N, C-alpha and C. Protein backbone atom coordinates (compact mmCIF):
# COMPACT_ATOMS: atom_id res chain seq x y z
N MET A 1 1.12 -20.50 -6.56
CA MET A 1 0.70 -19.14 -6.87
C MET A 1 1.46 -18.17 -5.97
N ILE A 2 1.98 -17.14 -6.53
CA ILE A 2 2.71 -16.13 -5.78
C ILE A 2 1.73 -15.06 -5.33
N MET A 3 1.70 -14.79 -4.04
CA MET A 3 0.79 -13.78 -3.52
C MET A 3 1.52 -12.44 -3.47
N ALA A 4 0.82 -11.39 -3.83
CA ALA A 4 1.40 -10.04 -3.77
C ALA A 4 1.54 -9.62 -2.32
N ILE A 5 2.62 -8.95 -2.02
CA ILE A 5 2.81 -8.44 -0.67
C ILE A 5 2.03 -7.15 -0.55
N ARG A 6 1.09 -7.16 0.36
CA ARG A 6 0.26 -5.97 0.53
C ARG A 6 0.94 -5.02 1.49
N GLY A 7 0.71 -3.76 1.24
CA GLY A 7 1.24 -2.73 2.12
C GLY A 7 0.36 -2.55 3.33
N LYS A 8 0.57 -1.48 4.01
CA LYS A 8 -0.18 -1.16 5.21
C LYS A 8 -1.60 -0.72 4.84
N LEU A 9 -2.55 -1.03 5.69
CA LEU A 9 -3.95 -0.66 5.46
C LEU A 9 -4.18 0.76 5.94
N TYR A 10 -4.68 1.61 5.05
CA TYR A 10 -4.95 3.01 5.35
C TYR A 10 -6.41 3.34 5.03
N ARG A 11 -6.89 4.45 5.60
CA ARG A 11 -8.15 5.04 5.16
C ARG A 11 -7.83 5.94 3.97
N ALA A 12 -8.68 5.91 2.96
CA ALA A 12 -8.46 6.75 1.79
C ALA A 12 -8.79 8.20 2.11
N ARG A 13 -8.07 9.11 1.54
CA ARG A 13 -8.30 10.53 1.76
C ARG A 13 -9.59 11.00 1.12
N LYS A 14 -9.94 10.47 -0.02
CA LYS A 14 -11.10 10.94 -0.78
C LYS A 14 -12.20 9.88 -0.80
N GLY A 15 -12.52 9.30 0.35
CA GLY A 15 -13.56 8.29 0.43
C GLY A 15 -14.93 8.91 0.64
N GLU A 16 -15.96 8.10 0.48
CA GLU A 16 -17.34 8.58 0.65
C GLU A 16 -17.64 8.86 2.12
N VAL A 17 -17.48 7.84 2.97
CA VAL A 17 -17.75 7.99 4.40
C VAL A 17 -16.50 7.53 5.15
N PHE A 18 -15.68 8.44 5.55
CA PHE A 18 -14.42 8.21 6.29
C PHE A 18 -13.35 7.52 5.46
N GLY A 19 -13.64 7.01 4.28
CA GLY A 19 -12.64 6.38 3.43
C GLY A 19 -12.25 4.97 3.81
N VAL A 20 -13.03 4.31 4.68
CA VAL A 20 -12.67 2.97 5.15
C VAL A 20 -12.83 1.94 4.02
N CYS A 21 -13.96 1.94 3.34
CA CYS A 21 -14.19 0.96 2.26
C CYS A 21 -13.19 1.15 1.12
N LYS A 22 -12.94 2.39 0.76
CA LYS A 22 -11.99 2.66 -0.33
C LYS A 22 -10.57 2.25 0.07
N GLY A 23 -10.20 2.50 1.32
CA GLY A 23 -8.89 2.07 1.79
C GLY A 23 -8.76 0.56 1.80
N LEU A 24 -9.82 -0.12 2.24
CA LEU A 24 -9.83 -1.58 2.24
C LEU A 24 -9.76 -2.13 0.82
N ALA A 25 -10.47 -1.49 -0.10
CA ALA A 25 -10.44 -1.92 -1.50
C ALA A 25 -9.04 -1.75 -2.10
N ARG A 26 -8.40 -0.64 -1.82
CA ARG A 26 -7.03 -0.42 -2.33
C ARG A 26 -6.07 -1.44 -1.74
N TRP A 27 -6.23 -1.71 -0.45
CA TRP A 27 -5.35 -2.66 0.23
C TRP A 27 -5.52 -4.07 -0.36
N ALA A 28 -6.78 -4.45 -0.63
CA ALA A 28 -7.07 -5.77 -1.17
C ALA A 28 -6.96 -5.83 -2.69
N GLU A 29 -6.69 -4.67 -3.32
CA GLU A 29 -6.56 -4.57 -4.76
C GLU A 29 -7.83 -5.05 -5.46
N LEU A 30 -8.97 -4.56 -4.95
CA LEU A 30 -10.30 -4.88 -5.49
C LEU A 30 -11.02 -3.59 -5.83
N PRO A 31 -12.06 -3.67 -6.66
CA PRO A 31 -12.87 -2.47 -6.90
C PRO A 31 -13.62 -2.08 -5.63
N VAL A 32 -13.84 -0.79 -5.45
CA VAL A 32 -14.46 -0.31 -4.23
C VAL A 32 -15.96 -0.63 -4.17
N GLY A 33 -16.62 -0.73 -5.32
CA GLY A 33 -18.06 -1.00 -5.35
C GLY A 33 -18.47 -2.27 -4.62
N PRO A 34 -17.84 -3.42 -4.94
CA PRO A 34 -18.20 -4.65 -4.22
C PRO A 34 -17.91 -4.59 -2.71
N ILE A 35 -16.86 -3.87 -2.33
CA ILE A 35 -16.55 -3.74 -0.90
C ILE A 35 -17.67 -2.96 -0.21
N ARG A 36 -18.09 -1.85 -0.81
CA ARG A 36 -19.18 -1.07 -0.22
C ARG A 36 -20.46 -1.89 -0.16
N LEU A 37 -20.76 -2.62 -1.22
CA LEU A 37 -21.96 -3.46 -1.24
C LEU A 37 -21.90 -4.52 -0.15
N ALA A 38 -20.73 -5.13 0.04
CA ALA A 38 -20.57 -6.15 1.09
C ALA A 38 -20.80 -5.55 2.47
N VAL A 39 -20.29 -4.36 2.71
CA VAL A 39 -20.48 -3.70 4.01
C VAL A 39 -21.95 -3.39 4.24
N ILE A 40 -22.62 -2.91 3.20
CA ILE A 40 -24.05 -2.59 3.33
C ILE A 40 -24.86 -3.86 3.58
N LEU A 41 -24.60 -4.92 2.82
CA LEU A 41 -25.32 -6.18 3.02
C LEU A 41 -25.04 -6.77 4.40
N LEU A 42 -23.80 -6.68 4.83
CA LEU A 42 -23.45 -7.17 6.16
C LEU A 42 -24.19 -6.38 7.23
N ALA A 43 -24.31 -5.09 7.03
CA ALA A 43 -25.05 -4.26 7.99
C ALA A 43 -26.53 -4.63 8.00
N VAL A 44 -27.11 -4.85 6.84
CA VAL A 44 -28.54 -5.18 6.77
C VAL A 44 -28.83 -6.54 7.40
N PHE A 45 -28.00 -7.53 7.09
CA PHE A 45 -28.29 -8.88 7.56
C PHE A 45 -27.79 -9.19 8.96
N SER A 46 -26.94 -8.37 9.51
CA SER A 46 -26.44 -8.65 10.87
C SER A 46 -26.96 -7.65 11.88
N GLY A 47 -27.79 -6.76 11.48
CA GLY A 47 -28.20 -5.68 12.36
C GLY A 47 -27.22 -4.54 12.16
N PHE A 48 -27.71 -3.35 12.16
CA PHE A 48 -26.87 -2.21 11.80
C PHE A 48 -25.79 -1.89 12.84
N MET A 49 -26.12 -2.04 14.10
CA MET A 49 -25.21 -1.56 15.15
C MET A 49 -23.83 -2.22 15.16
N PRO A 50 -23.72 -3.56 15.06
CA PRO A 50 -22.37 -4.14 15.08
C PRO A 50 -21.49 -3.62 13.93
N VAL A 51 -22.06 -3.53 12.74
CA VAL A 51 -21.27 -3.08 11.58
C VAL A 51 -20.93 -1.60 11.72
N ILE A 52 -21.87 -0.81 12.19
CA ILE A 52 -21.60 0.62 12.38
C ILE A 52 -20.51 0.82 13.42
N ILE A 53 -20.54 0.07 14.51
CA ILE A 53 -19.51 0.20 15.55
C ILE A 53 -18.15 -0.19 14.99
N ILE A 54 -18.08 -1.31 14.27
CA ILE A 54 -16.81 -1.75 13.69
C ILE A 54 -16.30 -0.73 12.67
N TYR A 55 -17.21 -0.19 11.85
CA TYR A 55 -16.84 0.78 10.83
C TYR A 55 -16.29 2.06 11.46
N VAL A 56 -16.95 2.53 12.50
CA VAL A 56 -16.49 3.76 13.18
C VAL A 56 -15.15 3.51 13.87
N LEU A 57 -14.99 2.33 14.49
CA LEU A 57 -13.69 2.01 15.11
C LEU A 57 -12.58 1.96 14.06
N ALA A 58 -12.89 1.40 12.90
CA ALA A 58 -11.89 1.36 11.82
C ALA A 58 -11.56 2.78 11.37
N ALA A 59 -12.58 3.63 11.30
CA ALA A 59 -12.35 5.02 10.88
C ALA A 59 -11.49 5.76 11.89
N VAL A 60 -11.64 5.42 13.16
CA VAL A 60 -10.87 6.10 14.21
C VAL A 60 -9.43 5.58 14.27
N PHE A 61 -9.25 4.27 14.14
CA PHE A 61 -7.93 3.70 14.39
C PHE A 61 -7.08 3.50 13.14
N LEU A 62 -7.67 3.44 11.95
CA LEU A 62 -6.84 3.32 10.74
C LEU A 62 -6.21 4.67 10.43
N PRO A 63 -4.93 4.68 10.13
CA PRO A 63 -4.29 5.96 9.77
C PRO A 63 -4.76 6.42 8.39
N VAL A 64 -4.74 7.72 8.18
CA VAL A 64 -5.11 8.29 6.90
C VAL A 64 -3.99 8.03 5.91
N GLU A 65 -4.37 7.75 4.69
CA GLU A 65 -3.41 7.46 3.64
C GLU A 65 -2.43 8.62 3.47
N PRO A 66 -1.12 8.33 3.45
CA PRO A 66 -0.13 9.40 3.25
C PRO A 66 -0.31 10.05 1.88
N LEU A 67 0.04 11.29 1.78
CA LEU A 67 -0.14 12.02 0.52
C LEU A 67 0.70 11.44 -0.61
N TYR A 68 1.89 10.97 -0.31
CA TYR A 68 2.73 10.46 -1.39
C TYR A 68 2.14 9.19 -1.98
N LYS A 69 1.26 8.49 -1.27
CA LYS A 69 0.57 7.33 -1.84
C LYS A 69 -0.68 7.77 -2.58
N SER A 70 -1.42 8.69 -2.00
CA SER A 70 -2.68 9.10 -2.62
C SER A 70 -2.45 9.92 -3.88
N LYS A 71 -1.29 10.52 -4.04
CA LYS A 71 -1.00 11.34 -5.22
C LYS A 71 -1.05 10.50 -6.48
N PHE A 72 -0.65 9.25 -6.38
CA PHE A 72 -0.58 8.40 -7.56
C PHE A 72 -1.85 7.60 -7.81
N SER A 73 -2.88 7.78 -6.99
CA SER A 73 -4.12 7.06 -7.22
C SER A 73 -4.88 7.70 -8.37
N ASP A 74 -5.79 6.95 -8.94
CA ASP A 74 -6.49 7.39 -10.14
C ASP A 74 -7.38 8.60 -9.90
N ASP A 75 -8.02 8.66 -8.72
CA ASP A 75 -9.04 9.67 -8.52
C ASP A 75 -8.58 10.87 -7.71
N SER A 76 -7.31 10.92 -7.37
CA SER A 76 -6.86 12.06 -6.57
C SER A 76 -6.58 13.25 -7.47
N LYS A 77 -7.08 14.39 -7.06
CA LYS A 77 -6.87 15.62 -7.82
C LYS A 77 -6.44 16.70 -6.85
N GLY A 78 -6.00 17.76 -7.40
CA GLY A 78 -5.61 18.87 -6.54
C GLY A 78 -4.12 19.10 -6.60
N ASP A 79 -3.70 20.06 -5.83
CA ASP A 79 -2.30 20.44 -5.83
C ASP A 79 -1.55 19.59 -4.82
N PHE A 80 -0.83 18.59 -5.29
CA PHE A 80 -0.12 17.66 -4.42
C PHE A 80 0.92 18.38 -3.57
N ASP A 81 1.69 19.27 -4.19
CA ASP A 81 2.75 19.95 -3.46
C ASP A 81 2.20 20.75 -2.28
N GLU A 82 1.13 21.47 -2.52
CA GLU A 82 0.54 22.27 -1.44
C GLU A 82 -0.03 21.38 -0.34
N ASP A 83 -0.71 20.31 -0.72
CA ASP A 83 -1.24 19.37 0.28
C ASP A 83 -0.12 18.75 1.10
N PHE A 84 0.96 18.37 0.42
CA PHE A 84 2.08 17.75 1.12
C PHE A 84 2.71 18.72 2.11
N ARG A 85 2.89 19.96 1.68
CA ARG A 85 3.46 20.96 2.59
C ARG A 85 2.56 21.18 3.80
N ASN A 86 1.26 21.25 3.58
CA ASN A 86 0.33 21.42 4.70
C ASN A 86 0.37 20.24 5.66
N GLU A 87 0.40 19.03 5.11
CA GLU A 87 0.46 17.86 5.99
C GLU A 87 1.78 17.83 6.75
N TYR A 88 2.86 18.19 6.09
CA TYR A 88 4.16 18.20 6.75
C TYR A 88 4.19 19.21 7.89
N ARG A 89 3.60 20.37 7.67
CA ARG A 89 3.53 21.37 8.75
C ARG A 89 2.72 20.87 9.92
N GLU A 90 1.63 20.16 9.64
CA GLU A 90 0.75 19.69 10.70
C GLU A 90 1.35 18.53 11.49
N ASN A 91 2.00 17.60 10.80
CA ASN A 91 2.48 16.41 11.49
C ASN A 91 3.80 15.96 10.88
N ARG A 92 4.87 16.61 11.28
CA ARG A 92 6.18 16.34 10.68
C ARG A 92 6.69 14.95 10.99
N LYS A 93 6.53 14.49 12.22
CA LYS A 93 7.09 13.18 12.59
C LYS A 93 6.45 12.07 11.77
N ARG A 94 5.13 12.10 11.61
CA ARG A 94 4.45 11.04 10.86
C ARG A 94 4.85 11.07 9.40
N THR A 95 4.92 12.26 8.81
CA THR A 95 5.27 12.38 7.40
C THR A 95 6.69 11.90 7.15
N VAL A 96 7.62 12.31 7.97
CA VAL A 96 9.01 11.88 7.83
C VAL A 96 9.12 10.38 8.05
N HIS A 97 8.39 9.87 9.04
CA HIS A 97 8.40 8.43 9.32
C HIS A 97 7.88 7.64 8.11
N ASP A 98 6.78 8.11 7.49
CA ASP A 98 6.23 7.45 6.31
C ASP A 98 7.23 7.46 5.16
N LEU A 99 7.90 8.59 4.95
CA LEU A 99 8.88 8.68 3.87
C LEU A 99 10.09 7.77 4.15
N LYS A 100 10.53 7.70 5.40
CA LYS A 100 11.64 6.80 5.74
C LYS A 100 11.25 5.35 5.50
N ASP A 101 10.02 4.98 5.88
CA ASP A 101 9.55 3.61 5.64
C ASP A 101 9.54 3.29 4.15
N GLU A 102 9.05 4.22 3.35
CA GLU A 102 8.99 4.01 1.90
C GLU A 102 10.41 3.88 1.33
N PHE A 103 11.34 4.70 1.81
CA PHE A 103 12.72 4.62 1.36
C PHE A 103 13.34 3.27 1.73
N GLU A 104 13.07 2.78 2.94
CA GLU A 104 13.61 1.49 3.36
C GLU A 104 13.06 0.35 2.51
N LYS A 105 11.77 0.42 2.17
CA LYS A 105 11.18 -0.61 1.31
C LYS A 105 11.86 -0.62 -0.05
N LEU A 106 12.06 0.58 -0.61
CA LEU A 106 12.72 0.67 -1.91
C LEU A 106 14.16 0.16 -1.83
N LYS A 107 14.83 0.47 -0.74
CA LYS A 107 16.22 0.03 -0.55
C LYS A 107 16.29 -1.50 -0.49
N ARG A 108 15.35 -2.13 0.24
CA ARG A 108 15.32 -3.60 0.31
C ARG A 108 15.00 -4.21 -1.05
N LYS A 109 14.12 -3.57 -1.80
CA LYS A 109 13.75 -4.07 -3.12
C LYS A 109 14.94 -4.03 -4.07
N VAL A 110 15.67 -2.92 -4.07
CA VAL A 110 16.85 -2.80 -4.92
C VAL A 110 17.92 -3.81 -4.51
N ALA A 111 18.11 -4.00 -3.21
CA ALA A 111 19.10 -4.97 -2.73
C ALA A 111 18.72 -6.38 -3.19
N GLY A 112 17.43 -6.70 -3.15
CA GLY A 112 16.98 -8.01 -3.62
C GLY A 112 17.22 -8.19 -5.11
N MET A 113 16.99 -7.13 -5.89
CA MET A 113 17.23 -7.20 -7.33
C MET A 113 18.71 -7.36 -7.61
N GLU A 114 19.56 -6.66 -6.85
CA GLU A 114 21.00 -6.79 -7.04
C GLU A 114 21.46 -8.20 -6.71
N ASP A 115 20.91 -8.78 -5.64
CA ASP A 115 21.26 -10.16 -5.29
C ASP A 115 20.87 -11.13 -6.39
N ASP A 116 19.69 -10.92 -6.98
CA ASP A 116 19.24 -11.80 -8.08
C ASP A 116 20.20 -11.71 -9.26
N VAL A 117 20.62 -10.49 -9.62
CA VAL A 117 21.53 -10.30 -10.75
C VAL A 117 22.87 -10.96 -10.46
N LEU A 118 23.41 -10.76 -9.26
CA LEU A 118 24.69 -11.36 -8.91
C LEU A 118 24.60 -12.88 -8.90
N HIS A 119 23.47 -13.40 -8.40
CA HIS A 119 23.29 -14.85 -8.36
C HIS A 119 23.25 -15.42 -9.79
N ASP A 120 22.57 -14.72 -10.70
CA ASP A 120 22.52 -15.15 -12.09
C ASP A 120 23.89 -15.10 -12.73
N GLN A 121 24.69 -14.07 -12.40
CA GLN A 121 26.05 -13.97 -12.96
C GLN A 121 26.92 -15.11 -12.44
N ASP A 122 26.76 -15.49 -11.17
CA ASP A 122 27.53 -16.61 -10.62
C ASP A 122 27.18 -17.90 -11.34
N LYS A 123 25.90 -18.12 -11.63
CA LYS A 123 25.50 -19.31 -12.36
C LYS A 123 26.13 -19.33 -13.75
N GLU A 124 26.13 -18.17 -14.40
CA GLU A 124 26.67 -18.07 -15.75
C GLU A 124 28.17 -18.38 -15.73
N LYS A 125 28.88 -17.83 -14.73
CA LYS A 125 30.33 -18.11 -14.63
C LYS A 125 30.57 -19.59 -14.37
N ASP A 126 29.72 -20.21 -13.55
CA ASP A 126 29.86 -21.63 -13.25
C ASP A 126 29.68 -22.46 -14.52
N TRP A 127 28.68 -22.16 -15.30
CA TRP A 127 28.46 -22.88 -16.55
C TRP A 127 29.60 -22.63 -17.54
N ASP A 128 30.10 -21.40 -17.60
CA ASP A 128 31.22 -21.10 -18.49
C ASP A 128 32.45 -21.90 -18.10
N SER A 129 32.72 -21.98 -16.79
CA SER A 129 33.90 -22.72 -16.35
C SER A 129 33.74 -24.21 -16.63
N ARG A 130 32.54 -24.76 -16.48
CA ARG A 130 32.30 -26.17 -16.80
C ARG A 130 32.46 -26.42 -18.30
N PHE A 131 31.93 -25.51 -19.10
CA PHE A 131 32.01 -25.67 -20.54
C PHE A 131 33.46 -25.58 -21.02
N ASN A 132 34.23 -24.64 -20.46
CA ASN A 132 35.61 -24.46 -20.90
C ASN A 132 36.51 -25.57 -20.42
N LYS A 133 36.18 -26.24 -19.29
CA LYS A 133 37.00 -27.38 -18.81
C LYS A 133 36.90 -28.54 -19.77
N ASP A 134 35.69 -28.80 -20.25
CA ASP A 134 35.47 -29.96 -21.13
C ASP A 134 36.05 -29.74 -22.51
N SER A 135 36.29 -28.52 -22.90
CA SER A 135 36.78 -28.25 -24.27
C SER A 135 38.23 -28.57 -24.43
């Protein structure tokens, strides 16, 4: 079974309480409802304080989802361009860093696809040369 490569774990911008459950659900590619239910059940059965402490720590230390990722989510609404400009003004280094990371991922993906195509062409040439030798 081929496992999907998951991206970085973020807090969702439009979450109910700090966006931790929604960010975890997006990262795990699961519906958010079962994640929220699991957190609530874990809190009830383990005592509230440990889960609340872990949840608050996650809310503090997980970075907020970049706008260019949240723009394409199903439930995000609003003016993306204006939000992006505001975030860029507030934190230019982080925004530029996120965009550079995304560009590098795309660059590696394209390079991998090019390698696959070239490898397939080499196989085809090899079979053609074998076929033409025997003729």
